[in-house]
Amino acid sequence: HHIHPIRPVIRIPILALTPLTRPVST
């Protein structure tokens, strides 16, 4: 198969999610 970059760029954000009801642990 072939892989090509896309223009205009279609950007996907990457997030870390945690519950607001609990503090974030070490």
PDB file of all heavy atoms in Angstrom:
ATOM      1  N   HIS A   1       0.854  -1.184   0.000  1.00  0.00           N
ATOM      2  CA  HIS A   1       0.000   0.000   0.000  1.00  0.00           C
ATOM      3  C   HIS A   1       0.895   1.240   0.000  1.00  0.00           C
ATOM      4  O   HIS A   1       2.102   1.149   0.209  1.00  0.00           O
ATOM      5  CB  HIS A   1      -0.923   0.014   1.219  1.00  0.00           C
ATOM      6  CG  HIS A   1      -0.174  -0.019   2.519  1.00  0.00           C
ATOM      7  ND1 HIS A   1       0.274  -1.197   3.094  1.00  0.00           N
ATOM      8  CD2 HIS A   1       0.233   0.983   3.351  1.00  0.00           C
ATOM      9  CE1 HIS A   1       0.902  -0.922   4.217  1.00  0.00           C
ATOM     10  NE2 HIS A   1       0.902   0.384   4.393  1.00  0.00           N
ATOM     11  N   HIS A   2       0.285   2.375  -0.240  1.00  0.00           N
ATOM     12  CA  HIS A   2       1.003   3.647  -0.220  1.00  0.00           C
ATOM     13  C   HIS A   2       0.416   4.529   0.874  1.00  0.00           C
ATOM     14  O   HIS A   2      -0.787   4.514   1.132  1.00  0.00           O
ATOM     15  CB  HIS A   2       0.894   4.355  -1.571  1.00  0.00           C
ATOM     16  CG  HIS A   2       1.446   3.574  -2.718  1.00  0.00           C
ATOM     17  ND1 HIS A   2       2.746   3.117  -2.746  1.00  0.00           N
ATOM     18  CD2 HIS A   2       0.878   3.154  -3.874  1.00  0.00           C
ATOM     19  CE1 HIS A   2       2.961   2.458  -3.869  1.00  0.00           C
ATOM     20  NE2 HIS A   2       1.837   2.461  -4.571  1.00  0.00           N
ATOM     21  N   ILE A   3       1.289   5.323   1.497  1.00  0.00           N
ATOM     22  CA  ILE A   3       0.860   6.276   2.516  1.00  0.00           C
ATOM     23  C   ILE A   3       1.313   7.668   2.076  1.00  0.00           C
ATOM     24  O   ILE A   3       2.484   7.862   1.729  1.00  0.00           O
ATOM     25  CB  ILE A   3       1.451   5.933   3.895  1.00  0.00           C
ATOM     26  CG1 ILE A   3       0.984   4.551   4.348  1.00  0.00           C
ATOM     27  CG2 ILE A   3       1.042   6.980   4.931  1.00  0.00           C
ATOM     28  CD1 ILE A   3       1.605   4.090   5.661  1.00  0.00           C
ATOM     29  N   HIS A   4       0.387   8.602   2.065  1.00  0.00           N
ATOM     30  CA  HIS A   4       0.689   9.970   1.631  1.00  0.00           C
ATOM     31  C   HIS A   4       0.273  10.965   2.712  1.00  0.00           C
ATOM     32  O   HIS A   4      -0.793  10.803   3.325  1.00  0.00           O
ATOM     33  CB  HIS A   4      -0.088  10.322   0.358  1.00  0.00           C
ATOM     34  CG  HIS A   4       0.117   9.377  -0.778  1.00  0.00           C
ATOM     35  ND1 HIS A   4       1.069   9.569  -1.759  1.00  0.00           N
ATOM     36  CD2 HIS A   4      -0.518   8.217  -1.095  1.00  0.00           C
ATOM     37  CE1 HIS A   4       1.009   8.576  -2.636  1.00  0.00           C
ATOM     38  NE2 HIS A   4       0.053   7.747  -2.265  1.00  0.00           N
ATOM     39  N   PRO A   5       1.051  12.021   2.948  1.00  0.00           N
ATOM     40  CA  PRO A   5       0.581  13.121   3.801  1.00  0.00           C
ATOM     41  C   PRO A   5      -0.626  13.801   3.144  1.00  0.00           C
ATOM     42  O   PRO A   5      -0.793  13.739   1.926  1.00  0.00           O
ATOM     43  CB  PRO A   5       1.787  14.066   3.865  1.00  0.00           C
ATOM     44  CG  PRO A   5       2.958  13.241   3.428  1.00  0.00           C
ATOM     45  CD  PRO A   5       2.421  12.238   2.462  1.00  0.00           C
ATOM     46  N   ILE A   6      -1.458  14.445   3.950  1.00  0.00           N
ATOM     47  CA  ILE A   6      -2.655  15.124   3.455  1.00  0.00           C
ATOM     48  C   ILE A   6      -2.475  16.625   3.592  1.00  0.00           C
ATOM     49  O   ILE A   6      -1.990  17.118   4.614  1.00  0.00           O
ATOM     50  CB  ILE A   6      -3.906  14.672   4.247  1.00  0.00           C
ATOM     51  CG1 ILE A   6      -4.151  13.174   4.055  1.00  0.00           C
ATOM     52  CG2 ILE A   6      -5.136  15.463   3.825  1.00  0.00           C
ATOM     53  CD1 ILE A   6      -5.255  12.624   4.949  1.00  0.00           C
ATOM     54  N   ARG A   7      -2.880  17.351   2.549  1.00  0.00           N
ATOM     55  CA  ARG A   7      -2.914  18.810   2.598  1.00  0.00           C
ATOM     56  C   ARG A   7      -4.239  19.288   2.009  1.00  0.00           C
ATOM     57  O   ARG A   7      -4.627  18.793   0.966  1.00  0.00           O
ATOM     58  CB  ARG A   7      -1.748  19.427   1.807  1.00  0.00           C
ATOM     59  CG  ARG A   7      -0.389  19.166   2.401  1.00  0.00           C
ATOM     60  CD  ARG A   7      -0.211  19.875   3.754  1.00  0.00           C
ATOM     61  NE  ARG A   7       1.135  19.687   4.282  1.00  0.00           N
ATOM     62  CZ  ARG A   7       1.527  18.653   4.986  1.00  0.00           C
ATOM     63  NH1 ARG A   7       0.664  17.689   5.259  1.00  0.00           N
ATOM     64  NH2 ARG A   7       2.763  18.565   5.423  1.00  0.00           N
ATOM     65  N   PRO A   8      -4.942  20.201   2.634  1.00  0.00           N
ATOM     66  CA  PRO A   8      -4.632  20.808   3.934  1.00  0.00           C
ATOM     67  C   PRO A   8      -4.632  19.762   5.066  1.00  0.00           C
ATOM     68  O   PRO A   8      -5.307  18.750   4.971  1.00  0.00           O
ATOM     69  CB  PRO A   8      -5.770  21.819   4.133  1.00  0.00           C
ATOM     70  CG  PRO A   8      -6.347  22.034   2.774  1.00  0.00           C
ATOM     71  CD  PRO A   8      -6.176  20.738   2.046  1.00  0.00           C
ATOM     72  N   VAL A   9      -3.872  20.071   6.089  1.00  0.00           N
ATOM     73  CA  VAL A   9      -3.700  19.147   7.208  1.00  0.00           C
ATOM     74  C   VAL A   9      -5.034  18.904   7.924  1.00  0.00           C
ATOM     75  O   VAL A   9      -5.817  19.826   8.145  1.00  0.00           O
ATOM     76  CB  VAL A   9      -2.656  19.716   8.208  1.00  0.00           C
ATOM     77  CG1 VAL A   9      -2.657  18.909   9.500  1.00  0.00           C
ATOM     78  CG2 VAL A   9      -1.276  19.715   7.580  1.00  0.00           C
ATOM     79  N   ILE A  10      -5.277  17.650   8.249  1.00  0.00           N
ATOM     80  CA  ILE A  10      -6.415  17.276   9.110  1.00  0.00           C
ATOM     81  C   ILE A  10      -5.806  16.797  10.426  1.00  0.00           C
ATOM     82  O   ILE A  10      -5.202  15.726  10.487  1.00  0.00           O
ATOM     83  CB  ILE A  10      -7.285  16.179   8.483  1.00  0.00           C
ATOM     84  CG1 ILE A  10      -7.757  16.593   7.083  1.00  0.00           C
ATOM     85  CG2 ILE A  10      -8.482  15.886   9.386  1.00  0.00           C
ATOM     86  CD1 ILE A  10      -8.540  15.515   6.356  1.00  0.00           C
ATOM     87  N   ARG A  11      -5.956  17.571  11.452  1.00  0.00           N
ATOM     88  CA  ARG A  11      -5.218  17.357  12.701  1.00  0.00           C
ATOM     89  C   ARG A  11      -6.106  16.715  13.770  1.00  0.00           C
ATOM     90  O   ARG A  11      -7.238  17.157  13.998  1.00  0.00           O
ATOM     91  CB  ARG A  11      -4.663  18.686  13.201  1.00  0.00           C
ATOM     92  CG  ARG A  11      -3.771  18.606  14.412  1.00  0.00           C
ATOM     93  CD  ARG A  11      -2.789  19.764  14.405  1.00  0.00           C
ATOM     94  NE  ARG A  11      -1.775  19.583  13.354  1.00  0.00           N
ATOM     95  CZ  ARG A  11      -0.869  20.497  13.037  1.00  0.00           C
ATOM     96  NH1 ARG A  11      -0.840  21.653  13.670  1.00  0.00           N
ATOM     97  NH2 ARG A  11       0.018  20.256  12.091  1.00  0.00           N
ATOM     98  N   ILE A  12      -5.559  15.683  14.434  1.00  0.00           N
ATOM     99  CA  ILE A  12      -6.270  14.982  15.509  1.00  0.00           C
ATOM    100  C   ILE A  12      -5.582  15.299  16.838  1.00  0.00           C
ATOM    101  O   ILE A  12      -4.405  14.968  17.016  1.00  0.00           O
ATOM    102  CB  ILE A  12      -6.258  13.457  15.294  1.00  0.00           C
ATOM    103  CG1 ILE A  12      -6.840  13.093  13.927  1.00  0.00           C
ATOM    104  CG2 ILE A  12      -7.026  12.750  16.409  1.00  0.00           C
ATOM    105  CD1 ILE A  12      -6.673  11.627  13.575  1.00  0.00           C
ATOM    106  N   PRO A  13      -6.271  15.931  17.788  1.00  0.00           N
ATOM    107  CA  PRO A  13      -5.650  16.191  19.093  1.00  0.00           C
ATOM    108  C   PRO A  13      -5.580  14.913  19.921  1.00  0.00           C
ATOM    109  O   PRO A  13      -6.382  13.995  19.738  1.00  0.00           O
ATOM    110  CB  PRO A  13      -6.609  17.205  19.736  1.00  0.00           C
ATOM    111  CG  PRO A  13      -7.931  16.888  19.123  1.00  0.00           C
ATOM    112  CD  PRO A  13      -7.647  16.426  17.712  1.00  0.00           C
ATOM    113  N   ILE A  14      -4.615  14.854  20.808  1.00  0.00           N
ATOM    114  CA  ILE A  14      -4.480  13.712  21.723  1.00  0.00           C
ATOM    115  C   ILE A  14      -4.554  14.244  23.144  1.00  0.00           C
ATOM    116  O   ILE A  14      -3.750  15.086  23.547  1.00  0.00           O
ATOM    117  CB  ILE A  14      -3.171  12.950  21.483  1.00  0.00           C
ATOM    118  CG1 ILE A  14      -3.141  12.430  20.039  1.00  0.00           C
ATOM    119  CG2 ILE A  14      -3.032  11.796  22.464  1.00  0.00           C
ATOM    120  CD1 ILE A  14      -1.852  11.790  19.645  1.00  0.00           C
ATOM    121  N   LEU A  15      -5.532  13.747  23.899  1.00  0.00           N
ATOM    122  CA  LEU A  15      -5.809  14.271  25.229  1.00  0.00           C
ATOM    123  C   LEU A  15      -5.683  13.191  26.286  1.00  0.00           C
ATOM    124  O   LEU A  15      -5.978  12.016  26.038  1.00  0.00           O
ATOM    125  CB  LEU A  15      -7.237  14.839  25.286  1.00  0.00           C
ATOM    126  CG  LEU A  15      -7.654  15.863  24.227  1.00  0.00           C
ATOM    127  CD1 LEU A  15      -9.105  16.237  24.424  1.00  0.00           C
ATOM    128  CD2 LEU A  15      -6.768  17.094  24.291  1.00  0.00           C
ATOM    129  N   ALA A  16      -5.242  13.611  27.471  1.00  0.00           N
ATOM    130  CA  ALA A  16      -5.320  12.771  28.659  1.00  0.00           C
ATOM    131  C   ALA A  16      -6.496  13.293  29.488  1.00  0.00           C
ATOM    132  O   ALA A  16      -6.549  14.476  29.817  1.00  0.00           O
ATOM    133  CB  ALA A  16      -4.030  12.838  29.461  1.00  0.00           C
ATOM    134  N   LEU A  17      -7.434  12.409  29.821  1.00  0.00           N
ATOM    135  CA  LEU A  17      -8.652  12.794  30.530  1.00  0.00           C
ATOM    136  C   LEU A  17      -8.698  12.132  31.898  1.00  0.00           C
ATOM    137  O   LEU A  17      -8.371  10.949  32.040  1.00  0.00           O
ATOM    138  CB  LEU A  17      -9.886  12.376  29.723  1.00  0.00           C
ATOM    139  CG  LEU A  17      -9.973  12.875  28.274  1.00  0.00           C
ATOM    140  CD1 LEU A  17     -11.158  12.242  27.568  1.00  0.00           C
ATOM    141  CD2 LEU A  17     -10.085  14.388  28.246  1.00  0.00           C
ATOM    142  N   THR A  18      -9.113  12.890  32.908  1.00  0.00           N
ATOM    143  CA  THR A  18      -9.298  12.360  34.261  1.00  0.00           C
ATOM    144  C   THR A  18     -10.575  12.945  34.856  1.00  0.00           C
ATOM    145  O   THR A  18     -10.987  14.045  34.490  1.00  0.00           O
ATOM    146  CB  THR A  18      -8.107  12.701  35.179  1.00  0.00           C
ATOM    147  OG1 THR A  18      -7.847  14.111  35.113  1.00  0.00           O
ATOM    148  CG2 THR A  18      -6.849  11.942  34.767  1.00  0.00           C
ATOM    149  N   PRO A  19     -11.222  12.218  35.782  1.00  0.00           N
ATOM    150  CA  PRO A  19     -12.477  12.699  36.371  1.00  0.00           C
ATOM    151  C   PRO A  19     -12.242  13.907  37.286  1.00  0.00           C
ATOM    152  O   PRO A  19     -11.299  13.919  38.088  1.00  0.00           O
ATOM    153  CB  PRO A  19     -12.983  11.503  37.177  1.00  0.00           C
ATOM    154  CG  PRO A  19     -12.187  10.338  36.715  1.00  0.00           C
ATOM    155  CD  PRO A  19     -10.874  10.865  36.249  1.00  0.00           C
ATOM    156  N   LEU A  20     -13.092  14.893  37.173  1.00  0.00           N
ATOM    157  CA  LEU A  20     -13.007  16.070  38.044  1.00  0.00           C
ATOM    158  C   LEU A  20     -13.413  15.744  39.474  1.00  0.00           C
ATOM    159  O   LEU A  20     -13.081  16.476  40.401  1.00  0.00           O
ATOM    160  CB  LEU A  20     -13.903  17.184  37.510  1.00  0.00           C
ATOM    161  CG  LEU A  20     -13.321  18.055  36.384  1.00  0.00           C
ATOM    162  CD1 LEU A  20     -14.394  18.968  35.822  1.00  0.00           C
ATOM    163  CD2 LEU A  20     -12.135  18.855  36.884  1.00  0.00           C
ATOM    164  N   THR A  21     -14.132  14.649  39.669  1.00  0.00           N
ATOM    165  CA  THR A  21     -14.615  14.294  41.003  1.00  0.00           C
ATOM    166  C   THR A  21     -13.530  13.699  41.889  1.00  0.00           C
ATOM    167  O   THR A  21     -13.739  13.524  43.077  1.00  0.00           O
ATOM    168  CB  THR A  21     -15.765  13.275  40.896  1.00  0.00           C
ATOM    169  OG1 THR A  21     -15.336  12.165  40.085  1.00  0.00           O
ATOM    170  CG2 THR A  21     -16.993  13.914  40.264  1.00  0.00           C
ATOM    171  N   ARG A  22     -12.363  13.379  41.292  1.00  0.00           N
ATOM    172  CA  ARG A  22     -11.262  12.804  42.075  1.00  0.00           C
ATOM    173  C   ARG A  22      -9.973  13.542  41.756  1.00  0.00           C
ATOM    174  O   ARG A  22      -9.743  13.905  40.590  1.00  0.00           O
ATOM    175  CB  ARG A  22     -11.078  11.311  41.761  1.00  0.00           C
ATOM    176  CG  ARG A  22     -12.282  10.459  42.060  1.00  0.00           C
ATOM    177  CD  ARG A  22     -11.942   8.973  42.043  1.00  0.00           C
ATOM    178  NE  ARG A  22     -11.414   8.522  40.775  1.00  0.00           N
ATOM    179  CZ  ARG A  22     -12.180   8.149  39.748  1.00  0.00           C
ATOM    180  NH1 ARG A  22     -13.484   8.207  39.831  1.00  0.00           N
ATOM    181  NH2 ARG A  22     -11.629   7.724  38.624  1.00  0.00           N
ATOM    182  N   PRO A  23      -9.122  13.765  42.758  1.00  0.00           N
ATOM    183  CA  PRO A  23      -7.824  14.396  42.475  1.00  0.00           C
ATOM    184  C   PRO A  23      -6.953  13.461  41.652  1.00  0.00           C
ATOM    185  O   PRO A  23      -7.084  12.238  41.727  1.00  0.00           O
ATOM    186  CB  PRO A  23      -7.228  14.637  43.863  1.00  0.00           C
ATOM    187  CG  PRO A  23      -7.905  13.635  44.754  1.00  0.00           C
ATOM    188  CD  PRO A  23      -9.288  13.461  44.205  1.00  0.00           C
ATOM    189  N   VAL A  24      -6.075  14.038  40.857  1.00  0.00           N
ATOM    190  CA  VAL A  24      -5.165  13.233  40.027  1.00  0.00           C
ATOM    191  C   VAL A  24      -4.065  12.665  40.919  1.00  0.00           C
ATOM    192  O   VAL A  24      -3.355  13.400  41.599  1.00  0.00           O
ATOM    193  CB  VAL A  24      -4.552  14.076  38.901  1.00  0.00           C
ATOM    194  CG1 VAL A  24      -3.615  13.231  38.045  1.00  0.00           C
ATOM    195  CG2 VAL A  24      -5.658  14.675  38.032  1.00  0.00           C
ATOM    196  N   SER A  25      -3.919  11.357  40.933  1.00  0.00           N
ATOM    197  CA  SER A  25      -2.926  10.710  41.791  1.00  0.00           C
ATOM    198  C   SER A  25      -1.545  10.774  41.171  1.00  0.00           C
ATOM    199  O   SER A  25      -1.375  11.010  39.960  1.00  0.00           O
ATOM    200  CB  SER A  25      -3.304   9.244  42.021  1.00  0.00           C
ATOM    201  OG  SER A  25      -3.214   8.517  40.805  1.00  0.00           O
ATOM    202  N   THR A  26      -0.526  10.567  42.011  1.00  0.00           N
ATOM    203  CA  THR A  26       0.852  10.474  41.523  1.00  0.00           C
ATOM    204  C   THR A  26       0.986   9.336  40.526  1.00  0.00           C
ATOM    205  O   THR A  26       1.725   9.425  39.540  1.00  0.00           O
ATOM    206  CB  THR A  26       1.812  10.254  42.702  1.00  0.00           C
ATOM    207  OG1 THR A  26       1.642  11.310  43.647  1.00  0.00           O
ATOM    208  CG2 THR A  26       3.259  10.214  42.238  1.00  0.00           C
TER     209      THR A  26
END
